[in-house]
Amino acid sequence: MANYLGPDDGDSPDEHWSGSAVQAPSSDGRRTSRLRRWFSSAVAILLKAKLLLVILSMFASMLLYGLAFGWPFGVGLVLLIAVHELGHVVAIRQRGMKATLPIFIPFMGALVGLQQQPQDAEEEAYIGIAGPVFGMAAACFCWWLGYRMHSELLLLLASFGMIMHIFNLMPVVPLDGGRTVAFLRWKAWAPGLLAMLVLLFYDPVTHAITFDPFAILILAFVLYNFRARLLNPPSPLYDQIALSTKWLYGGVWFGLLGLAVYGYLRIPLHVGI
């Protein structure tokens, strides 16, 4: 949905017409017209500024990922994240809702700000699962194409896409997995929190506890939003959706999580950039 100011928006017939005779625009009318054109230009500049912010944040992420891991991987990783966020944007627009454009945050992913509350848990699940559906499709495509082309870069991107979605599908808000099965509340959130802590701070190779600075930032972000959900929970009617709908979204969520785990275990971890 897009709102815009057309050249004739807001015109009043009385400004230019009196009875049946056409009159010349008054000075007040000209000032009103100039103000309207100025306002339309200001809105257009703001929209372009938002788009510029998205583009700048995207290139900043590519730059930092490229410096850290190599340019091909940095560009590919940001494109994977962009496809994931595109899924959310498509779902939001399909439901006739408004949201901010995705802002990329280096080493943390990207954010799409929803500007209104979903009507119920089904709508929240639809928007929440759309990102992983798009993102996992992109990761699987990299996996398939990587094997076909014997490309270590594509296989590494696929592997990272899998682990990224394993974390993202943890059933705790504000992660996409938590939004998808939000109707389960603590039945999903309690194990989701524990699993998230393991993914962030446990190294399965060395069996050691790690304290990565970015992991701590991610944990702080998740806990902050989780606390907000606890302090401002939706009404009890929010979760009253059909049982078949709960099974549907629960099944899609579990299937995507299983696919991500399977893909991560199957893709060789020794490949290099």
C-alpha atoms as a PDB file:
ATOM      1  CA  MET A   1       0.000   0.000   0.000  1.00  0.00           C
ATOM      2  CA  ALA A   2       1.344   3.450  -0.887  1.00  0.00           C
ATOM      3  CA  ASN A   3       0.015   6.852  -0.032  1.00  0.00           C
ATOM      4  CA  TYR A   4       0.955   9.822  -2.163  1.00  0.00           C
ATOM      5  CA  LEU A   5      -0.102  13.378  -2.767  1.00  0.00           C
ATOM      6  CA  GLY A   6      -1.297  13.903  -6.296  1.00  0.00           C
ATOM      7  CA  PRO A   7      -1.245  17.295  -7.989  1.00  0.00           C
ATOM      8  CA  ASP A   8      -4.979  17.756  -7.387  1.00  0.00           C
ATOM      9  CA  ASP A   9      -5.244  16.202  -3.911  1.00  0.00           C
ATOM     10  CA  GLY A  10      -7.037  18.440  -1.454  1.00  0.00           C
ATOM     11  CA  ASP A  11      -8.379  20.920  -4.006  1.00  0.00           C
ATOM     12  CA  SER A  12     -11.636  22.552  -3.017  1.00  0.00           C
ATOM     13  CA  PRO A  13     -14.051  23.415  -5.886  1.00  0.00           C
ATOM     14  CA  ASP A  14     -14.746  26.744  -4.209  1.00  0.00           C
ATOM     15  CA  GLU A  15     -11.173  27.851  -4.735  1.00  0.00           C
ATOM     16  CA  HIS A  16     -11.588  28.198  -8.506  1.00  0.00           C
ATOM     17  CA  TRP A  17     -15.307  28.299  -9.085  1.00  0.00           C
ATOM     18  CA  SER A  18     -17.985  30.788  -8.028  1.00  0.00           C
ATOM     19  CA  GLY A  19     -21.428  30.018  -9.300  1.00  0.00           C
ATOM     20  CA  SER A  20     -21.043  29.199 -12.972  1.00  0.00           C
ATOM     21  CA  ALA A  21     -18.184  31.587 -13.758  1.00  0.00           C
ATOM     22  CA  VAL A  22     -14.509  30.688 -13.691  1.00  0.00           C
ATOM     23  CA  GLN A  23     -12.359  33.037 -11.576  1.00  0.00           C
ATOM     24  CA  ALA A  24      -8.598  33.588 -11.616  1.00  0.00           C
ATOM     25  CA  PRO A  25      -6.793  31.892  -8.687  1.00  0.00           C
ATOM     26  CA  SER A  26      -6.407  34.218  -5.729  1.00  0.00           C
ATOM     27  CA  SER A  27      -3.087  34.909  -3.970  1.00  0.00           C
ATOM     28  CA  ASP A  28      -4.267  32.643  -1.147  1.00  0.00           C
ATOM     29  CA  GLY A  29      -4.955  29.929  -3.670  1.00  0.00           C
ATOM     30  CA  ARG A  30      -1.478  30.299  -5.173  1.00  0.00           C
ATOM     31  CA  ARG A  31       0.100  30.129  -1.723  1.00  0.00           C
ATOM     32  CA  THR A  32      -1.945  27.006  -0.924  1.00  0.00           C
ATOM     33  CA  SER A  33      -0.844  25.446  -4.215  1.00  0.00           C
ATOM     34  CA  ARG A  34       2.827  26.264  -3.514  1.00  0.00           C
ATOM     35  CA  LEU A  35       2.576  24.836  -0.012  1.00  0.00           C
ATOM     36  CA  ARG A  36       0.980  21.685  -1.408  1.00  0.00           C
ATOM     37  CA  ARG A  37       3.736  21.276  -3.985  1.00  0.00           C
ATOM     38  CA  TRP A  38       6.379  21.901  -1.311  1.00  0.00           C
ATOM     39  CA  PHE A  39       4.784  19.326   0.966  1.00  0.00           C
ATOM     40  CA  SER A  40       4.609  16.783  -1.880  1.00  0.00           C
ATOM     41  CA  SER A  41       8.300  17.370  -2.637  1.00  0.00           C
ATOM     42  CA  ALA A  42       9.210  17.010   1.047  1.00  0.00           C
ATOM     43  CA  VAL A  43       7.348  13.682   1.251  1.00  0.00           C
ATOM     44  CA  ALA A  44       9.124  12.445  -1.883  1.00  0.00           C
ATOM     45  CA  ILE A  45      12.517  13.441  -0.406  1.00  0.00           C
ATOM     46  CA  LEU A  46      11.740  11.610   2.828  1.00  0.00           C
ATOM     47  CA  LEU A  47      10.773   8.482   0.911  1.00  0.00           C
ATOM     48  CA  LYS A  48      14.001   8.681  -1.059  1.00  0.00           C
ATOM     49  CA  ALA A  49      15.926   9.227   2.186  1.00  0.00           C
ATOM     50  CA  LYS A  50      14.426   6.052   3.646  1.00  0.00           C
ATOM     51  CA  LEU A  51      15.411   4.151   0.506  1.00  0.00           C
ATOM     52  CA  LEU A  52      18.889   5.690   0.707  1.00  0.00           C
ATOM     53  CA  LEU A  53      19.181   4.531   4.332  1.00  0.00           C
ATOM     54  CA  VAL A  54      18.291   0.982   3.288  1.00  0.00           C
ATOM     55  CA  ILE A  55      20.843   1.036   0.464  1.00  0.00           C
ATOM     56  CA  LEU A  56      23.562   2.533   2.682  1.00  0.00           C
ATOM     57  CA  SER A  57      22.946  -0.002   5.459  1.00  0.00           C
ATOM     58  CA  MET A  58      23.046  -2.802   2.888  1.00  0.00           C
ATOM     59  CA  PHE A  59      26.362  -1.650   1.430  1.00  0.00           C
ATOM     60  CA  ALA A  60      27.798  -1.033   4.908  1.00  0.00           C
ATOM     61  CA  SER A  61      26.980  -4.643   5.803  1.00  0.00           C
ATOM     62  CA  MET A  62      28.576  -5.872   2.570  1.00  0.00           C
ATOM     63  CA  LEU A  63      31.673  -3.788   3.345  1.00  0.00           C
ATOM     64  CA  LEU A  64      32.101  -5.057   6.904  1.00  0.00           C
ATOM     65  CA  TYR A  65      31.301  -8.684   6.062  1.00  0.00           C
ATOM     66  CA  GLY A  66      33.654  -8.401   3.102  1.00  0.00           C
ATOM     67  CA  LEU A  67      36.487  -7.068   5.254  1.00  0.00           C
ATOM     68  CA  ALA A  68      35.919  -9.819   7.814  1.00  0.00           C
ATOM     69  CA  PHE A  69      35.281 -12.820   5.565  1.00  0.00           C
ATOM     70  CA  GLY A  70      36.133 -11.824   1.996  1.00  0.00           C
ATOM     71  CA  TRP A  71      34.143  -9.817  -0.548  1.00  0.00           C
ATOM     72  CA  PRO A  72      32.356 -12.675  -2.376  1.00  0.00           C
ATOM     73  CA  PHE A  73      31.089 -14.125   0.902  1.00  0.00           C
ATOM     74  CA  GLY A  74      30.143 -10.683   2.253  1.00  0.00           C
ATOM     75  CA  VAL A  75      28.034  -9.820  -0.782  1.00  0.00           C
ATOM     76  CA  GLY A  76      26.437 -13.273  -0.894  1.00  0.00           C
ATOM     77  CA  LEU A  77      25.568 -13.199   2.801  1.00  0.00           C
ATOM     78  CA  VAL A  78      23.828  -9.825   2.569  1.00  0.00           C
ATOM     79  CA  LEU A  79      21.864 -11.056  -0.448  1.00  0.00           C
ATOM     80  CA  LEU A  80      20.750 -14.115   1.554  1.00  0.00           C
ATOM     81  CA  ILE A  81      19.566 -11.857   4.370  1.00  0.00           C
ATOM     82  CA  ALA A  82      17.820  -9.577   1.852  1.00  0.00           C
ATOM     83  CA  VAL A  83      15.856 -12.517   0.411  1.00  0.00           C
ATOM     84  CA  HIS A  84      14.802 -13.501   3.942  1.00  0.00           C
ATOM     85  CA  GLU A  85      13.565  -9.970   4.684  1.00  0.00           C
ATOM     86  CA  LEU A  86      11.801  -9.844   1.309  1.00  0.00           C
ATOM     87  CA  GLY A  87       9.634 -12.721   2.504  1.00  0.00           C
ATOM     88  CA  HIS A  88       8.439 -10.646   5.459  1.00  0.00           C
ATOM     89  CA  VAL A  89       7.758  -7.617   3.261  1.00  0.00           C
ATOM     90  CA  VAL A  90       5.733  -9.673   0.778  1.00  0.00           C
ATOM     91  CA  ALA A  91       3.659 -11.250   3.573  1.00  0.00           C
ATOM     92  CA  ILE A  92       3.041  -7.897   5.256  1.00  0.00           C
ATOM     93  CA  ARG A  93       1.844  -6.323   2.025  1.00  0.00           C
ATOM     94  CA  GLN A  94      -0.344  -9.311   1.241  1.00  0.00           C
ATOM     95  CA  ARG A  95      -2.130  -8.696   4.540  1.00  0.00           C
ATOM     96  CA  GLY A  96      -2.564  -5.004   3.741  1.00  0.00           C
ATOM     97  CA  MET A  97      -0.317  -3.830   6.572  1.00  0.00           C
ATOM     98  CA  LYS A  98       2.425  -1.225   6.753  1.00  0.00           C
ATOM     99  CA  ALA A  99       6.034  -1.779   7.698  1.00  0.00           C
ATOM    100  CA  THR A 100       9.359  -0.037   7.496  1.00  0.00           C
ATOM    101  CA  LEU A 101      11.882  -0.951   4.840  1.00  0.00           C
ATOM    102  CA  PRO A 102      14.532  -3.438   6.011  1.00  0.00           C
ATOM    103  CA  ILE A 103      17.528  -1.892   7.747  1.00  0.00           C
ATOM    104  CA  PHE A 104      20.687  -4.024   7.679  1.00  0.00           C
ATOM    105  CA  ILE A 105      22.720  -4.250  10.880  1.00  0.00           C
ATOM    106  CA  PRO A 106      26.229  -5.690  10.370  1.00  0.00           C
ATOM    107  CA  PHE A 107      26.834  -8.980  12.209  1.00  0.00           C
ATOM    108  CA  MET A 108      23.247  -8.990  13.504  1.00  0.00           C
ATOM    109  CA  GLY A 109      21.175  -9.330  10.332  1.00  0.00           C
ATOM    110  CA  ALA A 110      18.398  -6.922   9.382  1.00  0.00           C
ATOM    111  CA  LEU A 111      15.151  -5.571  10.780  1.00  0.00           C
ATOM    112  CA  VAL A 112      11.742  -4.837   9.289  1.00  0.00           C
ATOM    113  CA  GLY A 113       9.625  -2.773  11.659  1.00  0.00           C
ATOM    114  CA  LEU A 114       5.930  -3.650  11.623  1.00  0.00           C
ATOM    115  CA  GLN A 115       3.948  -0.448  12.136  1.00  0.00           C
ATOM    116  CA  GLN A 116       0.762  -2.080  13.384  1.00  0.00           C
ATOM    117  CA  GLN A 117      -0.133  -5.072  15.506  1.00  0.00           C
ATOM    118  CA  PRO A 118      -1.307  -8.227  13.666  1.00  0.00           C
ATOM    119  CA  GLN A 119      -4.981  -8.966  14.244  1.00  0.00           C
ATOM    120  CA  ASP A 120      -4.398 -12.421  15.685  1.00  0.00           C
ATOM    121  CA  ALA A 121      -1.834 -15.186  16.100  1.00  0.00           C
ATOM    122  CA  GLU A 122      -2.556 -16.514  12.608  1.00  0.00           C
ATOM    123  CA  GLU A 123      -1.577 -13.237  10.985  1.00  0.00           C
ATOM    124  CA  GLU A 124       1.539 -13.000  13.157  1.00  0.00           C
ATOM    125  CA  ALA A 125       2.475 -16.567  12.186  1.00  0.00           C
ATOM    126  CA  TYR A 126       1.925 -15.851   8.487  1.00  0.00           C
ATOM    127  CA  ILE A 127       4.247 -12.843   8.575  1.00  0.00           C
ATOM    128  CA  GLY A 128       6.759 -14.555  10.858  1.00  0.00           C
ATOM    129  CA  ILE A 129       7.200 -17.727   8.808  1.00  0.00           C
ATOM    130  CA  ALA A 130       7.387 -15.949   5.437  1.00  0.00           C
ATOM    131  CA  GLY A 131      10.979 -14.806   6.051  1.00  0.00           C
ATOM    132  CA  PRO A 132      12.313 -18.312   6.800  1.00  0.00           C
ATOM    133  CA  VAL A 133      10.394 -19.732   3.817  1.00  0.00           C
ATOM    134  CA  PHE A 134      12.109 -17.292   1.440  1.00  0.00           C
ATOM    135  CA  GLY A 135      15.449 -17.490   3.238  1.00  0.00           C
ATOM    136  CA  MET A 136      15.554 -21.293   3.357  1.00  0.00           C
ATOM    137  CA  ALA A 137      14.641 -21.439  -0.323  1.00  0.00           C
ATOM    138  CA  ALA A 138      17.653 -19.195  -1.065  1.00  0.00           C
ATOM    139  CA  ALA A 139      19.948 -21.311   1.158  1.00  0.00           C
ATOM    140  CA  CYS A 140      18.778 -24.542  -0.490  1.00  0.00           C
ATOM    141  CA  PHE A 141      19.339 -22.999  -3.921  1.00  0.00           C
ATOM    142  CA  CYS A 142      22.931 -22.143  -2.909  1.00  0.00           C
ATOM    143  CA  TRP A 143      23.319 -25.728  -1.659  1.00  0.00           C
ATOM    144  CA  TRP A 144      22.050 -27.243  -4.903  1.00  0.00           C
ATOM    145  CA  LEU A 145      23.989 -24.877  -7.144  1.00  0.00           C
ATOM    146  CA  GLY A 146      27.125 -25.242  -5.028  1.00  0.00           C
ATOM    147  CA  TYR A 147      27.176 -29.006  -5.544  1.00  0.00           C
ATOM    148  CA  ARG A 148      26.368 -28.655  -9.222  1.00  0.00           C
ATOM    149  CA  MET A 149      29.178 -26.125  -9.784  1.00  0.00           C
ATOM    150  CA  HIS A 150      31.543 -27.526  -7.121  1.00  0.00           C
ATOM    151  CA  SER A 151      31.591 -24.040  -5.611  1.00  0.00           C
ATOM    152  CA  GLU A 152      33.001 -23.815  -2.096  1.00  0.00           C
ATOM    153  CA  LEU A 153      31.671 -20.257  -1.811  1.00  0.00           C
ATOM    154  CA  LEU A 154      28.067 -21.288  -2.519  1.00  0.00           C
ATOM    155  CA  LEU A 155      28.309 -24.255  -0.158  1.00  0.00           C
ATOM    156  CA  LEU A 156      29.658 -22.010   2.577  1.00  0.00           C
ATOM    157  CA  LEU A 157      26.817 -19.544   2.004  1.00  0.00           C
ATOM    158  CA  ALA A 158      24.342 -22.419   2.137  1.00  0.00           C
ATOM    159  CA  SER A 159      25.861 -23.669   5.382  1.00  0.00           C
ATOM    160  CA  PHE A 160      25.690 -20.227   6.941  1.00  0.00           C
ATOM    161  CA  GLY A 161      22.112 -19.832   5.703  1.00  0.00           C
ATOM    162  CA  MET A 162      21.179 -23.075   7.462  1.00  0.00           C
ATOM    163  CA  ILE A 163      22.700 -22.130  10.828  1.00  0.00           C
ATOM    164  CA  MET A 164      21.227 -18.642  10.525  1.00  0.00           C
ATOM    165  CA  HIS A 165      17.758 -20.128  10.145  1.00  0.00           C
ATOM    166  CA  ILE A 166      18.288 -22.681  12.913  1.00  0.00           C
ATOM    167  CA  PHE A 167      18.760 -19.746  15.259  1.00  0.00           C
ATOM    168  CA  ASN A 168      16.038 -17.618  13.665  1.00  0.00           C
ATOM    169  CA  LEU A 169      13.500 -20.441  13.992  1.00  0.00           C
ATOM    170  CA  MET A 170      14.034 -20.830  17.735  1.00  0.00           C
ATOM    171  CA  PRO A 171      10.502 -20.645  19.211  1.00  0.00           C
ATOM    172  CA  VAL A 172      10.905 -17.471  21.239  1.00  0.00           C
ATOM    173  CA  VAL A 173       9.737 -13.970  20.352  1.00  0.00           C
ATOM    174  CA  PRO A 174      10.879 -11.770  18.679  1.00  0.00           C
ATOM    175  CA  LEU A 175      12.578 -14.421  16.514  1.00  0.00           C
ATOM    176  CA  ASP A 176      10.561 -15.636  13.551  1.00  0.00           C
ATOM    177  CA  GLY A 177      10.110 -19.076  15.071  1.00  0.00           C
ATOM    178  CA  GLY A 178       8.623 -17.563  18.211  1.00  0.00           C
ATOM    179  CA  ARG A 179       6.211 -15.435  16.184  1.00  0.00           C
ATOM    180  CA  THR A 180       5.183 -18.429  14.093  1.00  0.00           C
ATOM    181  CA  VAL A 181       4.189 -20.519  17.122  1.00  0.00           C
ATOM    182  CA  ALA A 182       3.305 -17.605  19.431  1.00  0.00           C
ATOM    183  CA  PHE A 183      -0.030 -19.288  20.151  1.00  0.00           C
ATOM    184  CA  LEU A 184       1.880 -21.913  22.176  1.00  0.00           C
ATOM    185  CA  ARG A 185       3.237 -19.264  24.563  1.00  0.00           C
ATOM    186  CA  TRP A 186       5.471 -20.763  27.294  1.00  0.00           C
ATOM    187  CA  LYS A 187       5.175 -24.269  25.882  1.00  0.00           C
ATOM    188  CA  ALA A 188       7.428 -23.041  23.064  1.00  0.00           C
ATOM    189  CA  TRP A 189       9.205 -20.083  24.673  1.00  0.00           C
ATOM    190  CA  ALA A 190      10.807 -21.958  27.588  1.00  0.00           C
ATOM    191  CA  PRO A 191      12.638 -24.569  25.441  1.00  0.00           C
ATOM    192  CA  GLY A 192      13.264 -21.876  22.825  1.00  0.00           C
ATOM    193  CA  LEU A 193      15.164 -19.718  25.309  1.00  0.00           C
ATOM    194  CA  LEU A 194      17.301 -22.645  26.425  1.00  0.00           C
ATOM    195  CA  ALA A 195      18.082 -23.683  22.857  1.00  0.00           C
ATOM    196  CA  MET A 196      18.938 -20.096  21.933  1.00  0.00           C
ATOM    197  CA  LEU A 197      21.430 -19.862  24.816  1.00  0.00           C
ATOM    198  CA  VAL A 198      23.093 -23.087  23.674  1.00  0.00           C
ATOM    199  CA  LEU A 199      23.404 -21.831  20.090  1.00  0.00           C
ATOM    200  CA  LEU A 200      24.854 -18.506  21.207  1.00  0.00           C
ATOM    201  CA  PHE A 201      27.340 -19.621  23.857  1.00  0.00           C
ATOM    202  CA  TYR A 202      28.211 -23.288  23.315  1.00  0.00           C
ATOM    203  CA  ASP A 203      30.842 -24.512  20.876  1.00  0.00           C
ATOM    204  CA  PRO A 204      29.905 -28.078  19.816  1.00  0.00           C
ATOM    205  CA  VAL A 205      33.404 -28.712  18.425  1.00  0.00           C
ATOM    206  CA  THR A 206      35.426 -27.862  21.540  1.00  0.00           C
ATOM    207  CA  HIS A 207      32.537 -28.349  24.000  1.00  0.00           C
ATOM    208  CA  ALA A 208      33.494 -25.023  25.553  1.00  0.00           C
ATOM    209  CA  ILE A 209      31.420 -22.065  26.709  1.00  0.00           C
ATOM    210  CA  THR A 210      32.095 -19.015  24.529  1.00  0.00           C
ATOM    211  CA  PHE A 211      31.326 -15.323  25.051  1.00  0.00           C
ATOM    212  CA  ASP A 212      31.281 -13.648  21.668  1.00  0.00           C
ATOM    213  CA  PRO A 213      30.465  -9.898  21.897  1.00  0.00           C
ATOM    214  CA  PHE A 214      27.949 -10.101  19.068  1.00  0.00           C
ATOM    215  CA  ALA A 215      26.248 -13.081  20.706  1.00  0.00           C
ATOM    216  CA  ILE A 216      25.791 -10.988  23.835  1.00  0.00           C
ATOM    217  CA  LEU A 217      24.313  -8.138  21.772  1.00  0.00           C
ATOM    218  CA  ILE A 218      21.914 -10.533  20.049  1.00  0.00           C
ATOM    219  CA  LEU A 219      20.888 -12.011  23.400  1.00  0.00           C
ATOM    220  CA  ALA A 220      20.294  -8.527  24.834  1.00  0.00           C
ATOM    221  CA  PHE A 221      18.127  -7.591  21.845  1.00  0.00           C
ATOM    222  CA  VAL A 222      16.061 -10.775  22.094  1.00  0.00           C
ATOM    223  CA  LEU A 223      15.576 -10.489  25.857  1.00  0.00           C
ATOM    224  CA  TYR A 224      14.611  -6.816  25.594  1.00  0.00           C
ATOM    225  CA  ASN A 225      11.882  -7.579  23.055  1.00  0.00           C
ATOM    226  CA  PHE A 226      10.828 -10.711  24.927  1.00  0.00           C
ATOM    227  CA  ARG A 227      10.387  -8.634  28.088  1.00  0.00           C
ATOM    228  CA  ALA A 228       8.250  -6.156  26.141  1.00  0.00           C
ATOM    229  CA  ARG A 229       6.023  -9.029  24.991  1.00  0.00           C
ATOM    230  CA  LEU A 230       5.625 -10.223  28.580  1.00  0.00           C
ATOM    231  CA  LEU A 231       4.774  -6.751  29.873  1.00  0.00           C
ATOM    232  CA  ASN A 232       2.328  -6.028  27.038  1.00  0.00           C
ATOM    233  CA  PRO A 233       0.778  -9.372  26.095  1.00  0.00           C
ATOM    234  CA  PRO A 234      -1.984  -9.511  23.487  1.00  0.00           C
ATOM    235  CA  SER A 235      -5.539 -10.229  24.571  1.00  0.00           C
ATOM    236  CA  PRO A 236      -6.626 -13.846  25.218  1.00  0.00           C
ATOM    237  CA  LEU A 237      -8.680 -13.678  22.016  1.00  0.00           C
ATOM    238  CA  TYR A 238      -5.436 -13.180  20.060  1.00  0.00           C
ATOM    239  CA  ASP A 239      -4.548 -16.880  20.312  1.00  0.00           C
ATOM    240  CA  GLN A 240      -8.022 -18.210  19.615  1.00  0.00           C
ATOM    241  CA  ILE A 241      -7.434 -19.482  16.101  1.00  0.00           C
ATOM    242  CA  ALA A 242      -8.540 -22.754  14.541  1.00  0.00           C
ATOM    243  CA  LEU A 243      -6.762 -25.907  15.708  1.00  0.00           C
ATOM    244  CA  SER A 244      -6.097 -26.856  12.081  1.00  0.00           C
ATOM    245  CA  THR A 245      -4.359 -23.491  11.600  1.00  0.00           C
ATOM    246  CA  LYS A 246      -2.144 -24.148  14.622  1.00  0.00           C
ATOM    247  CA  TRP A 247      -1.196 -27.551  13.226  1.00  0.00           C
ATOM    248  CA  LEU A 248      -0.463 -26.003   9.828  1.00  0.00           C
ATOM    249  CA  TYR A 249       1.919 -23.334  11.088  1.00  0.00           C
ATOM    250  CA  GLY A 250       3.423 -25.662  13.662  1.00  0.00           C
ATOM    251  CA  GLY A 251       4.113 -28.203  10.919  1.00  0.00           C
ATOM    252  CA  VAL A 252       5.670 -25.656   8.567  1.00  0.00           C
ATOM    253  CA  TRP A 253       7.820 -24.302  11.390  1.00  0.00           C
ATOM    254  CA  PHE A 254       8.999 -27.777  12.452  1.00  0.00           C
ATOM    255  CA  GLY A 255       9.651 -28.795   8.837  1.00  0.00           C
ATOM    256  CA  LEU A 256      11.780 -25.730   8.110  1.00  0.00           C
ATOM    257  CA  LEU A 257      13.731 -26.169  11.340  1.00  0.00           C
ATOM    258  CA  GLY A 258      14.332 -29.834  10.535  1.00  0.00           C
ATOM    259  CA  LEU A 259      15.457 -28.952   7.008  1.00  0.00           C
ATOM    260  CA  ALA A 260      17.867 -26.332   8.350  1.00  0.00           C
ATOM    261  CA  VAL A 261      19.406 -28.813  10.811  1.00  0.00           C
ATOM    262  CA  TYR A 262      19.627 -31.509   8.136  1.00  0.00           C
ATOM    263  CA  GLY A 263      21.233 -29.137   5.641  1.00  0.00           C
ATOM    264  CA  TYR A 264      23.743 -27.824   8.153  1.00  0.00           C
ATOM    265  CA  LEU A 265      24.812 -31.375   9.081  1.00  0.00           C
ATOM    266  CA  ARG A 266      25.053 -32.532   5.465  1.00  0.00           C
ATOM    267  CA  ILE A 267      26.987 -29.590   4.003  1.00  0.00           C
ATOM    268  CA  PRO A 268      30.754 -30.052   4.510  1.00  0.00           C
ATOM    269  CA  LEU A 269      32.086 -27.708   7.204  1.00  0.00           C
ATOM    270  CA  HIS A 270      35.651 -27.765   5.966  1.00  0.00           C
ATOM    271  CA  VAL A 271      34.983 -25.798   2.796  1.00  0.00           C
ATOM    272  CA  GLY A 272      36.800 -22.480   2.558  1.00  0.00           C
ATOM    273  CA  ILE A 273      36.070 -19.203   0.883  1.00  0.00           C
END
